[in-house]
N, C-alpha and C. Protein backbone atom coordinates (compact mmCIF):
# COMPACT_ATOMS: atom_id res chain seq x y z
N UNK A 1 17.44 29.68 11.99
CA UNK A 1 16.64 30.05 10.85
C UNK A 1 17.10 31.39 10.26
N UNK A 2 17.62 32.29 11.11
CA UNK A 2 18.07 33.59 10.62
C UNK A 2 19.19 33.45 9.60
N UNK A 3 20.07 32.48 9.80
CA UNK A 3 21.16 32.26 8.84
C UNK A 3 20.61 31.84 7.49
N UNK A 4 19.57 31.01 7.50
CA UNK A 4 18.95 30.58 6.25
C UNK A 4 18.32 31.77 5.54
N UNK A 5 17.61 32.62 6.29
CA UNK A 5 16.98 33.79 5.68
C UNK A 5 18.02 34.74 5.11
N UNK A 6 19.11 34.92 5.82
CA UNK A 6 20.19 35.79 5.33
C UNK A 6 20.79 35.22 4.05
N UNK A 7 20.99 33.91 4.02
CA UNK A 7 21.53 33.27 2.83
C UNK A 7 20.56 33.40 1.65
N UNK A 8 19.26 33.23 1.91
CA UNK A 8 18.26 33.40 0.85
C UNK A 8 18.32 34.80 0.25
N UNK A 9 18.47 35.80 1.10
CA UNK A 9 18.55 37.18 0.63
C UNK A 9 19.79 37.37 -0.23
N UNK A 10 20.94 36.88 0.24
CA UNK A 10 22.19 37.03 -0.51
C UNK A 10 22.08 36.34 -1.86
N UNK A 11 21.57 35.13 -1.89
CA UNK A 11 21.44 34.38 -3.15
C UNK A 11 20.47 35.09 -4.09
N UNK A 12 19.34 35.54 -3.57
CA UNK A 12 18.36 36.24 -4.41
C UNK A 12 18.93 37.54 -4.98
N UNK A 13 19.62 38.30 -4.17
CA UNK A 13 20.22 39.55 -4.66
C UNK A 13 21.28 39.26 -5.72
N UNK A 14 22.07 38.21 -5.52
CA UNK A 14 23.08 37.84 -6.52
C UNK A 14 22.41 37.42 -7.82
N UNK A 15 21.38 36.57 -7.75
CA UNK A 15 20.68 36.15 -8.96
C UNK A 15 20.04 37.33 -9.68
N UNK A 16 19.46 38.23 -8.92
CA UNK A 16 18.82 39.40 -9.53
C UNK A 16 19.85 40.35 -10.15
N UNK A 17 21.08 40.31 -9.67
CA UNK A 17 22.13 41.17 -10.24
C UNK A 17 22.61 40.66 -11.59
N UNK A 18 22.30 39.43 -11.94
CA UNK A 18 22.76 38.86 -13.20
C UNK A 18 22.01 39.42 -14.40
N UNK A 19 20.88 40.05 -14.17
CA UNK A 19 20.14 40.66 -15.27
C UNK A 19 18.76 40.08 -15.44
N UNK A 20 18.00 40.74 -16.28
CA UNK A 20 16.59 40.35 -16.47
C UNK A 20 16.42 39.10 -17.33
N UNK A 21 17.46 38.68 -18.06
CA UNK A 21 17.34 37.48 -18.89
C UNK A 21 17.01 36.26 -18.04
N UNK A 22 17.44 36.27 -16.80
CA UNK A 22 17.22 35.14 -15.91
C UNK A 22 15.75 35.01 -15.50
N UNK A 23 15.01 36.12 -15.57
CA UNK A 23 13.60 36.09 -15.19
C UNK A 23 12.82 35.15 -16.10
N UNK A 24 13.08 35.21 -17.39
CA UNK A 24 12.38 34.34 -18.35
C UNK A 24 12.67 32.88 -18.05
N UNK A 25 13.93 32.56 -17.82
CA UNK A 25 14.32 31.19 -17.49
C UNK A 25 13.67 30.72 -16.19
N UNK A 26 13.72 31.57 -15.17
CA UNK A 26 13.13 31.21 -13.87
C UNK A 26 11.63 31.01 -13.98
N UNK A 27 10.96 31.85 -14.74
CA UNK A 27 9.51 31.70 -14.91
C UNK A 27 9.17 30.41 -15.66
N UNK A 28 10.02 30.03 -16.60
CA UNK A 28 9.80 28.77 -17.32
C UNK A 28 9.90 27.57 -16.39
N UNK A 29 10.94 27.54 -15.55
CA UNK A 29 11.07 26.45 -14.60
C UNK A 29 9.97 26.48 -13.54
N UNK A 30 9.59 27.68 -13.13
CA UNK A 30 8.52 27.82 -12.14
C UNK A 30 7.21 27.28 -12.70
N UNK A 31 6.97 27.52 -13.98
CA UNK A 31 5.74 27.04 -14.62
C UNK A 31 5.65 25.52 -14.57
N UNK A 32 6.78 24.83 -14.68
CA UNK A 32 6.78 23.36 -14.65
C UNK A 32 6.37 22.79 -13.30
N UNK A 33 6.33 23.61 -12.26
CA UNK A 33 5.88 23.15 -10.95
C UNK A 33 4.60 23.83 -10.50
N UNK A 34 3.98 24.57 -11.40
CA UNK A 34 2.80 25.36 -11.02
C UNK A 34 1.50 24.59 -11.19
N UNK A 35 0.47 25.07 -10.50
CA UNK A 35 -0.85 24.46 -10.61
C UNK A 35 -1.38 24.58 -12.03
N UNK A 36 -1.11 25.73 -12.68
CA UNK A 36 -1.59 25.93 -14.05
C UNK A 36 -1.05 24.85 -14.98
N UNK A 37 0.25 24.56 -14.86
CA UNK A 37 0.85 23.54 -15.70
C UNK A 37 0.22 22.17 -15.46
N UNK A 38 0.04 21.82 -14.19
CA UNK A 38 -0.51 20.51 -13.89
C UNK A 38 -1.98 20.40 -14.28
N UNK A 39 -2.71 21.51 -14.21
CA UNK A 39 -4.11 21.47 -14.67
C UNK A 39 -4.18 21.28 -16.18
N UNK A 40 -3.17 21.69 -16.90
CA UNK A 40 -3.11 21.45 -18.35
C UNK A 40 -2.66 20.03 -18.65
N UNK A 41 -1.69 19.53 -17.91
CA UNK A 41 -1.08 18.23 -18.18
C UNK A 41 -1.91 17.05 -17.69
N UNK A 42 -2.53 17.17 -16.53
CA UNK A 42 -3.25 16.02 -15.95
C UNK A 42 -4.38 15.50 -16.84
N UNK A 43 -5.21 16.35 -17.43
CA UNK A 43 -6.24 15.81 -18.34
C UNK A 43 -5.62 15.10 -19.54
N UNK A 44 -4.52 15.65 -20.06
CA UNK A 44 -3.86 14.99 -21.19
C UNK A 44 -3.31 13.63 -20.78
N UNK A 45 -2.73 13.54 -19.60
CA UNK A 45 -2.26 12.24 -19.10
C UNK A 45 -3.42 11.27 -18.96
N UNK A 46 -4.50 11.74 -18.37
CA UNK A 46 -5.65 10.88 -18.10
C UNK A 46 -6.32 10.42 -19.39
N UNK A 47 -6.60 11.36 -20.30
CA UNK A 47 -7.38 11.03 -21.49
C UNK A 47 -6.55 10.50 -22.65
N UNK A 48 -5.31 10.93 -22.77
CA UNK A 48 -4.53 10.60 -23.95
C UNK A 48 -3.48 9.51 -23.74
N UNK A 49 -2.96 9.39 -22.54
CA UNK A 49 -1.91 8.40 -22.31
C UNK A 49 -2.39 7.21 -21.49
N UNK A 50 -2.72 7.47 -20.24
CA UNK A 50 -3.08 6.38 -19.34
C UNK A 50 -3.89 6.95 -18.18
N UNK A 51 -5.12 6.50 -18.05
CA UNK A 51 -6.00 7.01 -16.99
C UNK A 51 -5.40 6.76 -15.61
N UNK A 52 -4.82 5.60 -15.40
CA UNK A 52 -4.21 5.28 -14.11
C UNK A 52 -3.05 6.21 -13.79
N UNK A 53 -2.26 6.52 -14.80
CA UNK A 53 -1.14 7.44 -14.62
C UNK A 53 -1.65 8.84 -14.25
N UNK A 54 -2.69 9.29 -14.93
CA UNK A 54 -3.27 10.59 -14.62
C UNK A 54 -3.79 10.67 -13.20
N UNK A 55 -4.43 9.60 -12.74
CA UNK A 55 -4.95 9.56 -11.37
C UNK A 55 -3.80 9.57 -10.37
N UNK A 56 -2.75 8.80 -10.64
CA UNK A 56 -1.61 8.76 -9.72
C UNK A 56 -0.91 10.11 -9.63
N UNK A 57 -0.74 10.77 -10.78
CA UNK A 57 -0.12 12.10 -10.77
C UNK A 57 -0.99 13.08 -9.98
N UNK A 58 -2.30 13.01 -10.18
CA UNK A 58 -3.22 13.89 -9.42
C UNK A 58 -3.12 13.61 -7.92
N UNK A 59 -3.02 12.36 -7.55
CA UNK A 59 -2.91 12.00 -6.13
C UNK A 59 -1.59 12.51 -5.54
N UNK A 60 -0.50 12.32 -6.27
CA UNK A 60 0.80 12.80 -5.80
C UNK A 60 0.78 14.31 -5.64
N UNK A 61 0.19 15.00 -6.61
CA UNK A 61 0.12 16.45 -6.54
C UNK A 61 -0.74 16.91 -5.37
N UNK A 62 -1.85 16.24 -5.15
CA UNK A 62 -2.72 16.59 -4.02
C UNK A 62 -2.02 16.37 -2.69
N UNK A 63 -1.34 15.23 -2.54
CA UNK A 63 -0.60 14.96 -1.31
C UNK A 63 0.54 15.96 -1.11
N UNK A 64 1.23 16.29 -2.19
CA UNK A 64 2.33 17.24 -2.10
C UNK A 64 1.82 18.62 -1.68
N UNK A 65 0.70 19.06 -2.25
CA UNK A 65 0.13 20.36 -1.87
C UNK A 65 -0.29 20.38 -0.41
N UNK A 66 -0.91 19.30 0.05
CA UNK A 66 -1.32 19.23 1.45
C UNK A 66 -0.14 19.25 2.39
N UNK A 67 0.88 18.46 2.08
CA UNK A 67 2.09 18.44 2.90
C UNK A 67 2.77 19.80 2.89
N UNK A 68 2.80 20.45 1.73
CA UNK A 68 3.41 21.76 1.62
C UNK A 68 2.71 22.78 2.51
N UNK A 69 1.39 22.76 2.53
CA UNK A 69 0.63 23.69 3.38
C UNK A 69 0.95 23.48 4.85
N UNK A 70 1.04 22.21 5.26
CA UNK A 70 1.36 21.90 6.66
C UNK A 70 2.78 22.36 7.00
N UNK A 71 3.74 22.09 6.11
CA UNK A 71 5.13 22.48 6.35
C UNK A 71 5.29 24.00 6.40
N UNK A 72 4.59 24.72 5.53
CA UNK A 72 4.66 26.18 5.55
C UNK A 72 4.17 26.72 6.89
N UNK A 73 3.09 26.15 7.40
CA UNK A 73 2.58 26.59 8.70
C UNK A 73 3.53 26.21 9.83
N UNK A 74 4.18 25.06 9.70
CA UNK A 74 5.11 24.62 10.75
C UNK A 74 6.37 25.49 10.79
N UNK A 75 6.91 25.84 9.61
CA UNK A 75 8.16 26.60 9.56
C UNK A 75 7.95 28.10 9.74
N UNK A 76 6.83 28.63 9.31
CA UNK A 76 6.57 30.09 9.36
C UNK A 76 7.75 30.88 8.78
N UNK A 77 8.31 30.42 7.70
CA UNK A 77 9.48 31.06 7.11
C UNK A 77 9.06 32.21 6.19
N UNK A 78 9.59 33.40 6.43
CA UNK A 78 9.23 34.53 5.57
C UNK A 78 9.85 34.40 4.19
N UNK A 79 9.24 35.04 3.24
CA UNK A 79 9.82 35.10 1.89
C UNK A 79 10.96 36.11 1.91
N UNK A 80 11.96 35.92 1.02
CA UNK A 80 13.12 36.83 1.04
C UNK A 80 12.74 38.31 0.90
N UNK A 81 11.73 38.62 0.10
CA UNK A 81 11.36 40.03 -0.05
C UNK A 81 10.59 40.56 1.16
N UNK A 82 10.17 39.69 2.07
CA UNK A 82 9.60 40.14 3.35
C UNK A 82 10.73 40.56 4.30
N UNK A 83 11.90 39.91 4.15
CA UNK A 83 13.03 40.12 5.05
C UNK A 83 13.85 41.35 4.65
N UNK A 84 14.07 41.52 3.34
CA UNK A 84 14.92 42.61 2.85
C UNK A 84 14.24 43.31 1.67
N UNK A 85 13.99 44.59 1.78
CA UNK A 85 13.30 45.31 0.70
C UNK A 85 14.13 45.43 -0.58
N UNK A 86 15.43 45.12 -0.53
CA UNK A 86 16.24 45.14 -1.74
C UNK A 86 15.89 44.00 -2.69
N UNK A 87 15.36 42.91 -2.16
CA UNK A 87 14.97 41.76 -2.98
C UNK A 87 13.68 42.12 -3.71
N UNK A 88 13.74 42.04 -5.04
CA UNK A 88 12.55 42.35 -5.84
C UNK A 88 11.64 41.13 -5.90
N UNK A 89 10.37 41.36 -5.70
CA UNK A 89 9.37 40.29 -5.80
C UNK A 89 8.79 40.33 -7.21
N UNK A 90 8.92 39.23 -7.94
CA UNK A 90 8.37 39.16 -9.29
C UNK A 90 6.96 38.58 -9.28
N UNK A 91 6.55 38.07 -8.14
CA UNK A 91 5.18 37.58 -7.94
C UNK A 91 4.86 37.79 -6.47
N UNK A 92 3.63 38.07 -6.19
CA UNK A 92 3.22 38.29 -4.81
C UNK A 92 2.49 37.05 -4.30
N UNK A 93 3.06 36.44 -3.30
CA UNK A 93 2.46 35.24 -2.70
C UNK A 93 2.11 35.55 -1.25
N UNK A 94 0.90 35.25 -0.83
CA UNK A 94 0.51 35.57 0.55
C UNK A 94 0.98 34.54 1.58
N UNK A 95 1.36 33.35 1.13
CA UNK A 95 1.73 32.30 2.08
C UNK A 95 3.21 32.41 2.45
N UNK A 96 3.60 31.65 3.45
CA UNK A 96 5.00 31.62 3.87
C UNK A 96 5.87 31.08 2.74
N UNK A 97 7.18 31.27 2.86
CA UNK A 97 8.07 30.98 1.76
C UNK A 97 8.63 29.58 1.68
N UNK A 98 8.93 28.98 2.83
CA UNK A 98 9.63 27.69 2.79
C UNK A 98 8.77 26.60 3.41
N UNK A 99 8.69 25.47 2.77
CA UNK A 99 9.30 25.07 1.51
C UNK A 99 8.53 25.62 0.31
N UNK A 100 9.24 25.75 -0.79
CA UNK A 100 8.63 26.25 -2.02
C UNK A 100 7.62 25.23 -2.55
N UNK A 101 6.40 25.67 -2.75
CA UNK A 101 5.38 24.77 -3.29
C UNK A 101 5.68 24.36 -4.72
N UNK A 102 6.17 25.31 -5.54
CA UNK A 102 6.51 24.99 -6.92
C UNK A 102 7.62 23.95 -6.98
N UNK A 103 8.66 24.15 -6.19
CA UNK A 103 9.78 23.21 -6.18
C UNK A 103 9.34 21.85 -5.64
N UNK A 104 8.57 21.85 -4.57
CA UNK A 104 8.12 20.58 -3.99
C UNK A 104 7.24 19.81 -4.96
N UNK A 105 6.29 20.49 -5.60
CA UNK A 105 5.42 19.82 -6.56
C UNK A 105 6.20 19.28 -7.74
N UNK A 106 7.14 20.08 -8.24
CA UNK A 106 7.94 19.64 -9.37
C UNK A 106 8.76 18.40 -9.01
N UNK A 107 9.39 18.41 -7.85
CA UNK A 107 10.20 17.26 -7.43
C UNK A 107 9.31 16.04 -7.20
N UNK A 108 8.17 16.24 -6.56
CA UNK A 108 7.27 15.11 -6.27
C UNK A 108 6.77 14.46 -7.56
N UNK A 109 6.25 15.27 -8.46
CA UNK A 109 5.65 14.71 -9.69
C UNK A 109 6.71 14.27 -10.68
N UNK A 110 7.64 15.16 -11.02
CA UNK A 110 8.65 14.81 -12.02
C UNK A 110 9.60 13.73 -11.49
N UNK A 111 9.89 13.75 -10.21
CA UNK A 111 10.72 12.70 -9.63
C UNK A 111 10.04 11.35 -9.70
N UNK A 112 8.74 11.33 -9.40
CA UNK A 112 8.00 10.08 -9.47
C UNK A 112 7.92 9.59 -10.92
N UNK A 113 7.66 10.50 -11.86
CA UNK A 113 7.59 10.11 -13.27
C UNK A 113 8.94 9.60 -13.77
N UNK A 114 10.03 10.19 -13.31
CA UNK A 114 11.36 9.74 -13.72
C UNK A 114 11.65 8.33 -13.23
N UNK A 115 11.05 7.97 -12.10
CA UNK A 115 11.26 6.63 -11.54
C UNK A 115 10.45 5.54 -12.21
N UNK A 116 9.56 5.91 -13.11
CA UNK A 116 8.74 4.88 -13.78
C UNK A 116 9.53 4.04 -14.74
């Protein structure tokens, strides 16, 4: 696990060295996997497109969040800014770092929607 943490630090420091323009892009992609985004999208899916689709997306998101919480507790992986103070934290999260909840939710929901 130490090799993974070291690699995360190296990758994060490299990405942060590219400049602040990347922050806007990263926040945009992060938003697509966030709870805020899904709380905006799920009612629109349910009321405007297809109630069944909205329910299925909500179920997938709920299952993904539950699985993510269990995996975070199982791995106990620190966030890169917990490991190395050179890594800047652009958001403060109290939970463990791996697996990423935003990435997992985005892959679960958007991957399922892409398969329709």
